[in-house]
């Protein structure tokens, strides 16, 4: 089961970057730098990629900016559900591509366009993300598609991770699960 950390300012502090990366490396296989409010995202992304590459993560990704991910030699990019038209461009640059999906139609499109993985969300209740899809919907999607599906949304307990695995997810992604107080 792949453990995929989605960072944000609540889980990643650049004043203690190495300490935070060390904490993440004990729990995750893949990590993405995501910060929707940072004013100097490119500079922070560069620092993140350089430092994260020193650790044993299977993949180090950037969120949404595939050109920057390529320029900084990230392993890949995590595209938003509004960026399907960037999958081919990111793949041409040799990037590993994950894209956020919320529907069967989006998963089908991601698979057709050559994404490497998708996140499917929200599985469980999570703030401001709408009604949870539940593990039953996750099972339907994992049975229907060959693209690896990473469960996302409201995953904060070991029991939820086990439920996702039992319902066919190749992994789980979370922000809160990998927080400092866990």
C-alpha atoms as a PDB file:
ATOM      1  CA  UNK A   1       0.000   0.000   0.000  1.00  0.00           C
ATOM      2  CA  UNK A   2       1.556   3.265  -1.147  1.00  0.00           C
ATOM      3  CA  UNK A   3       1.585   6.024   1.467  1.00  0.00           C
ATOM      4  CA  UNK A   4       1.457   9.413  -0.272  1.00  0.00           C
ATOM      5  CA  UNK A   5       1.917  12.626   1.714  1.00  0.00           C
ATOM      6  CA  UNK A   6       0.389  15.815   0.380  1.00  0.00           C
ATOM      7  CA  UNK A   7       2.127  18.653   2.160  1.00  0.00           C
ATOM      8  CA  UNK A   8       0.713  22.015   3.099  1.00  0.00           C
ATOM      9  CA  UNK A   9       1.805  24.724   5.559  1.00  0.00           C
ATOM     10  CA  UNK A  10       0.259  22.760   8.447  1.00  0.00           C
ATOM     11  CA  UNK A  11       2.553  19.780   7.844  1.00  0.00           C
ATOM     12  CA  UNK A  12       5.685  21.278   6.303  1.00  0.00           C
ATOM     13  CA  UNK A  13       7.666  24.115   7.848  1.00  0.00           C
ATOM     14  CA  UNK A  14      10.619  25.451   5.864  1.00  0.00           C
ATOM     15  CA  UNK A  15      12.291  26.668   9.084  1.00  0.00           C
ATOM     16  CA  UNK A  16      12.638  23.012  10.109  1.00  0.00           C
ATOM     17  CA  UNK A  17      12.531  21.467   6.627  1.00  0.00           C
ATOM     18  CA  UNK A  18      14.999  18.654   7.258  1.00  0.00           C
ATOM     19  CA  UNK A  19      13.311  17.733  10.515  1.00  0.00           C
ATOM     20  CA  UNK A  20       9.930  17.585   8.752  1.00  0.00           C
ATOM     21  CA  UNK A  21      11.327  15.598   5.816  1.00  0.00           C
ATOM     22  CA  UNK A  22      12.915  13.147   8.249  1.00  0.00           C
ATOM     23  CA  UNK A  23       9.514  12.720   9.935  1.00  0.00           C
ATOM     24  CA  UNK A  24       7.839  12.133   6.565  1.00  0.00           C
ATOM     25  CA  UNK A  25      10.451   9.663   5.364  1.00  0.00           C
ATOM     26  CA  UNK A  26       9.581   7.293   8.207  1.00  0.00           C
ATOM     27  CA  UNK A  27       5.931   7.152   7.081  1.00  0.00           C
ATOM     28  CA  UNK A  28       5.638   7.762   3.327  1.00  0.00           C
ATOM     29  CA  UNK A  29       6.695   6.413  -0.050  1.00  0.00           C
ATOM     30  CA  UNK A  30       5.803   9.469  -2.124  1.00  0.00           C
ATOM     31  CA  UNK A  31       5.568  13.144  -1.229  1.00  0.00           C
ATOM     32  CA  UNK A  32       4.291  16.221  -3.036  1.00  0.00           C
ATOM     33  CA  UNK A  33       5.034  19.848  -2.288  1.00  0.00           C
ATOM     34  CA  UNK A  34       1.727  21.715  -2.330  1.00  0.00           C
ATOM     35  CA  UNK A  35       1.231  25.217  -1.000  1.00  0.00           C
ATOM     36  CA  UNK A  36      -1.613  27.297  -2.394  1.00  0.00           C
ATOM     37  CA  UNK A  37      -0.692  30.475  -0.479  1.00  0.00           C
ATOM     38  CA  UNK A  38       3.100  30.709  -0.796  1.00  0.00           C
ATOM     39  CA  UNK A  39       4.239  33.931  -2.471  1.00  0.00           C
ATOM     40  CA  UNK A  40       7.543  32.512  -3.683  1.00  0.00           C
ATOM     41  CA  UNK A  41       6.405  29.025  -4.631  1.00  0.00           C
ATOM     42  CA  UNK A  42       9.157  28.453  -7.211  1.00  0.00           C
ATOM     43  CA  UNK A  43      11.932  29.220  -4.700  1.00  0.00           C
ATOM     44  CA  UNK A  44      10.332  27.076  -2.012  1.00  0.00           C
ATOM     45  CA  UNK A  45       9.715  24.278  -4.525  1.00  0.00           C
ATOM     46  CA  UNK A  46      13.372  24.323  -5.529  1.00  0.00           C
ATOM     47  CA  UNK A  47      14.470  24.101  -1.916  1.00  0.00           C
ATOM     48  CA  UNK A  48      11.941  21.332  -1.213  1.00  0.00           C
ATOM     49  CA  UNK A  49      12.999  19.223  -4.221  1.00  0.00           C
ATOM     50  CA  UNK A  50      16.711  19.534  -3.447  1.00  0.00           C
ATOM     51  CA  UNK A  51      16.275  18.563   0.192  1.00  0.00           C
ATOM     52  CA  UNK A  52      13.626  15.852  -0.366  1.00  0.00           C
ATOM     53  CA  UNK A  53      15.834  14.132  -2.967  1.00  0.00           C
ATOM     54  CA  UNK A  54      18.370  13.518  -0.179  1.00  0.00           C
ATOM     55  CA  UNK A  55      15.861  11.232   1.548  1.00  0.00           C
ATOM     56  CA  UNK A  56      14.545   7.802   0.602  1.00  0.00           C
ATOM     57  CA  UNK A  57      11.229   8.787  -0.997  1.00  0.00           C
ATOM     58  CA  UNK A  58      10.155   6.641  -3.941  1.00  0.00           C
ATOM     59  CA  UNK A  59       8.823   9.765  -5.722  1.00  0.00           C
ATOM     60  CA  UNK A  60       9.163  13.490  -5.032  1.00  0.00           C
ATOM     61  CA  UNK A  61       6.541  15.570  -6.829  1.00  0.00           C
ATOM     62  CA  UNK A  62       5.355  19.143  -7.233  1.00  0.00           C
ATOM     63  CA  UNK A  63       1.741  20.171  -7.277  1.00  0.00           C
ATOM     64  CA  UNK A  64       0.157  21.428 -10.520  1.00  0.00           C
ATOM     65  CA  UNK A  65       3.165  23.133 -12.208  1.00  0.00           C
ATOM     66  CA  UNK A  66       4.586  20.508 -14.563  1.00  0.00           C
ATOM     67  CA  UNK A  67       7.061  22.920 -16.201  1.00  0.00           C
ATOM     68  CA  UNK A  68       8.548  23.840 -12.837  1.00  0.00           C
ATOM     69  CA  UNK A  69       8.577  20.175 -11.797  1.00  0.00           C
ATOM     70  CA  UNK A  70      10.606  19.368 -14.901  1.00  0.00           C
ATOM     71  CA  UNK A  71      12.957  22.338 -14.491  1.00  0.00           C
ATOM     72  CA  UNK A  72      13.656  21.402 -10.858  1.00  0.00           C
ATOM     73  CA  UNK A  73      14.103  17.714 -11.706  1.00  0.00           C
ATOM     74  CA  UNK A  74      11.213  16.508  -9.587  1.00  0.00           C
ATOM     75  CA  UNK A  75      10.182  12.931 -10.254  1.00  0.00           C
ATOM     76  CA  UNK A  76       6.734  14.060 -11.248  1.00  0.00           C
ATOM     77  CA  UNK A  77       3.731  16.284 -10.905  1.00  0.00           C
ATOM     78  CA  UNK A  78       0.352  16.003  -9.225  1.00  0.00           C
ATOM     79  CA  UNK A  79      -2.126  17.738 -11.524  1.00  0.00           C
ATOM     80  CA  UNK A  80      -5.454  19.137 -10.392  1.00  0.00           C
ATOM     81  CA  UNK A  81      -8.760  17.885 -11.780  1.00  0.00           C
ATOM     82  CA  UNK A  82      -8.765  20.944 -14.069  1.00  0.00           C
ATOM     83  CA  UNK A  83      -5.481  20.006 -15.767  1.00  0.00           C
ATOM     84  CA  UNK A  84      -6.282  16.976 -17.912  1.00  0.00           C
ATOM     85  CA  UNK A  85      -4.981  18.851 -20.935  1.00  0.00           C
ATOM     86  CA  UNK A  86      -1.500  18.915 -19.318  1.00  0.00           C
ATOM     87  CA  UNK A  87      -1.070  15.145 -18.929  1.00  0.00           C
ATOM     88  CA  UNK A  88       0.499  14.649 -22.366  1.00  0.00           C
ATOM     89  CA  UNK A  89       2.837  17.622 -21.933  1.00  0.00           C
ATOM     90  CA  UNK A  90       4.027  16.393 -18.554  1.00  0.00           C
ATOM     91  CA  UNK A  91       4.560  12.864 -19.885  1.00  0.00           C
ATOM     92  CA  UNK A  92       6.612  14.226 -22.828  1.00  0.00           C
ATOM     93  CA  UNK A  93       8.906  15.819 -20.265  1.00  0.00           C
ATOM     94  CA  UNK A  94       9.420  12.416 -18.661  1.00  0.00           C
ATOM     95  CA  UNK A  95       7.441  13.194 -15.523  1.00  0.00           C
ATOM     96  CA  UNK A  96       5.491  10.716 -13.439  1.00  0.00           C
ATOM     97  CA  UNK A  97       1.909  12.026 -13.500  1.00  0.00           C
ATOM     98  CA  UNK A  98      -0.774  11.782 -10.846  1.00  0.00           C
ATOM     99  CA  UNK A  99      -4.044  13.614 -11.439  1.00  0.00           C
ATOM    100  CA  UNK A 100      -6.875  14.324  -9.028  1.00  0.00           C
ATOM    101  CA  UNK A 101     -10.198  12.747  -9.964  1.00  0.00           C
ATOM    102  CA  UNK A 102     -13.668  12.766  -8.454  1.00  0.00           C
ATOM    103  CA  UNK A 103     -15.760  10.822 -10.973  1.00  0.00           C
ATOM    104  CA  UNK A 104     -15.704   7.667 -13.054  1.00  0.00           C
ATOM    105  CA  UNK A 105     -15.541   9.808 -16.192  1.00  0.00           C
ATOM    106  CA  UNK A 106     -12.415  11.601 -14.929  1.00  0.00           C
ATOM    107  CA  UNK A 107     -10.677   8.320 -14.073  1.00  0.00           C
ATOM    108  CA  UNK A 108     -11.468   6.991 -17.546  1.00  0.00           C
ATOM    109  CA  UNK A 109     -10.053  10.136 -19.139  1.00  0.00           C
ATOM    110  CA  UNK A 110      -6.898  10.047 -17.000  1.00  0.00           C
ATOM    111  CA  UNK A 111      -6.312   6.420 -17.964  1.00  0.00           C
ATOM    112  CA  UNK A 112      -6.907   7.168 -21.656  1.00  0.00           C
ATOM    113  CA  UNK A 113      -4.535  10.154 -21.607  1.00  0.00           C
ATOM    114  CA  UNK A 114      -1.716   8.163 -20.011  1.00  0.00           C
ATOM    115  CA  UNK A 115      -1.549   9.362 -16.410  1.00  0.00           C
ATOM    116  CA  UNK A 116       0.444   7.030 -14.177  1.00  0.00           C
ATOM    117  CA  UNK A 117      -1.933   7.197 -11.199  1.00  0.00           C
ATOM    118  CA  UNK A 118      -5.025   9.002 -10.016  1.00  0.00           C
ATOM    119  CA  UNK A 119      -6.270  10.121  -6.666  1.00  0.00           C
ATOM    120  CA  UNK A 120      -9.995   9.513  -6.166  1.00  0.00           C
ATOM    121  CA  UNK A 121     -11.740  11.653  -3.587  1.00  0.00           C
ATOM    122  CA  UNK A 122     -13.181  12.333  -1.160  1.00  0.00           C
ATOM    123  CA  UNK A 123     -13.487   8.832   0.249  1.00  0.00           C
ATOM    124  CA  UNK A 124     -14.256   9.916   3.816  1.00  0.00           C
ATOM    125  CA  UNK A 125     -15.573  13.154   5.263  1.00  0.00           C
ATOM    126  CA  UNK A 126     -13.095  15.974   4.837  1.00  0.00           C
ATOM    127  CA  UNK A 127     -13.535  19.725   5.348  1.00  0.00           C
ATOM    128  CA  UNK A 128     -14.925  21.642   2.347  1.00  0.00           C
ATOM    129  CA  UNK A 129     -14.724  18.722  -0.093  1.00  0.00           C
ATOM    130  CA  UNK A 130     -18.363  17.728  -0.456  1.00  0.00           C
ATOM    131  CA  UNK A 131     -20.153  14.489   0.283  1.00  0.00           C
ATOM    132  CA  UNK A 132     -17.817  11.517   0.803  1.00  0.00           C
ATOM    133  CA  UNK A 133     -17.899   8.859  -1.914  1.00  0.00           C
ATOM    134  CA  UNK A 134     -17.236   6.019   0.519  1.00  0.00           C
ATOM    135  CA  UNK A 135     -15.252   2.830   0.162  1.00  0.00           C
ATOM    136  CA  UNK A 136     -18.051   1.202  -1.857  1.00  0.00           C
ATOM    137  CA  UNK A 137     -17.521   3.718  -4.677  1.00  0.00           C
ATOM    138  CA  UNK A 138     -13.766   3.212  -4.351  1.00  0.00           C
ATOM    139  CA  UNK A 139     -14.264  -0.536  -4.858  1.00  0.00           C
ATOM    140  CA  UNK A 140     -16.362   0.064  -7.989  1.00  0.00           C
ATOM    141  CA  UNK A 141     -13.612   2.256  -9.464  1.00  0.00           C
ATOM    142  CA  UNK A 142     -10.731  -0.074  -8.584  1.00  0.00           C
ATOM    143  CA  UNK A 143     -12.612  -3.009 -10.113  1.00  0.00           C
ATOM    144  CA  UNK A 144     -13.387  -1.067 -13.292  1.00  0.00           C
ATOM    145  CA  UNK A 145     -10.014   0.527 -14.103  1.00  0.00           C
ATOM    146  CA  UNK A 146      -6.430  -0.677 -14.475  1.00  0.00           C
ATOM    147  CA  UNK A 147      -4.822   2.671 -13.615  1.00  0.00           C
ATOM    148  CA  UNK A 148      -3.612   2.632 -10.007  1.00  0.00           C
ATOM    149  CA  UNK A 149      -6.067   4.485  -7.775  1.00  0.00           C
ATOM    150  CA  UNK A 150      -4.912   6.287  -4.647  1.00  0.00           C
ATOM    151  CA  UNK A 151      -7.678   6.905  -2.099  1.00  0.00           C
ATOM    152  CA  UNK A 152      -7.815  10.495  -0.840  1.00  0.00           C
ATOM    153  CA  UNK A 153     -10.000  12.510   1.455  1.00  0.00           C
ATOM    154  CA  UNK A 154     -10.532  12.318   5.194  1.00  0.00           C
ATOM    155  CA  UNK A 155      -8.027   9.523   5.766  1.00  0.00           C
ATOM    156  CA  UNK A 156      -6.781  10.014   9.308  1.00  0.00           C
ATOM    157  CA  UNK A 157      -6.800   6.516  10.913  1.00  0.00           C
ATOM    158  CA  UNK A 158      -5.181   3.132  10.370  1.00  0.00           C
ATOM    159  CA  UNK A 159      -8.673   1.612  10.094  1.00  0.00           C
ATOM    160  CA  UNK A 160      -9.535   3.912   7.167  1.00  0.00           C
ATOM    161  CA  UNK A 161      -6.285   2.958   5.428  1.00  0.00           C
ATOM    162  CA  UNK A 162      -7.136  -0.724   5.887  1.00  0.00           C
ATOM    163  CA  UNK A 163     -10.628  -0.128   4.437  1.00  0.00           C
ATOM    164  CA  UNK A 164      -9.129   1.573   1.388  1.00  0.00           C
ATOM    165  CA  UNK A 165      -6.700  -1.301   0.858  1.00  0.00           C
ATOM    166  CA  UNK A 166      -9.478  -3.886   1.250  1.00  0.00           C
ATOM    167  CA  UNK A 167     -11.438  -2.052  -1.439  1.00  0.00           C
ATOM    168  CA  UNK A 168      -8.688  -2.146  -4.035  1.00  0.00           C
ATOM    169  CA  UNK A 169      -6.805   1.127  -3.575  1.00  0.00           C
ATOM    170  CA  UNK A 170      -3.124   0.878  -4.501  1.00  0.00           C
ATOM    171  CA  UNK A 171      -2.401   3.472  -1.875  1.00  0.00           C
ATOM    172  CA  UNK A 172      -3.732   6.335   0.179  1.00  0.00           C
ATOM    173  CA  UNK A 173      -2.960  10.040   0.217  1.00  0.00           C
ATOM    174  CA  UNK A 174      -3.491  12.442   3.055  1.00  0.00           C
ATOM    175  CA  UNK A 175      -2.500  15.743   4.552  1.00  0.00           C
ATOM    176  CA  UNK A 176      -3.789  15.351   8.116  1.00  0.00           C
ATOM    177  CA  UNK A 177      -2.657  11.722   8.604  1.00  0.00           C
ATOM    178  CA  UNK A 178       0.945  12.845   8.207  1.00  0.00           C
ATOM    179  CA  UNK A 179       0.651  15.908  10.449  1.00  0.00           C
ATOM    180  CA  UNK A 180       3.187  16.728  13.137  1.00  0.00           C
ATOM    181  CA  UNK A 181       0.989  15.453  15.980  1.00  0.00           C
ATOM    182  CA  UNK A 182       0.497  11.966  14.534  1.00  0.00           C
END
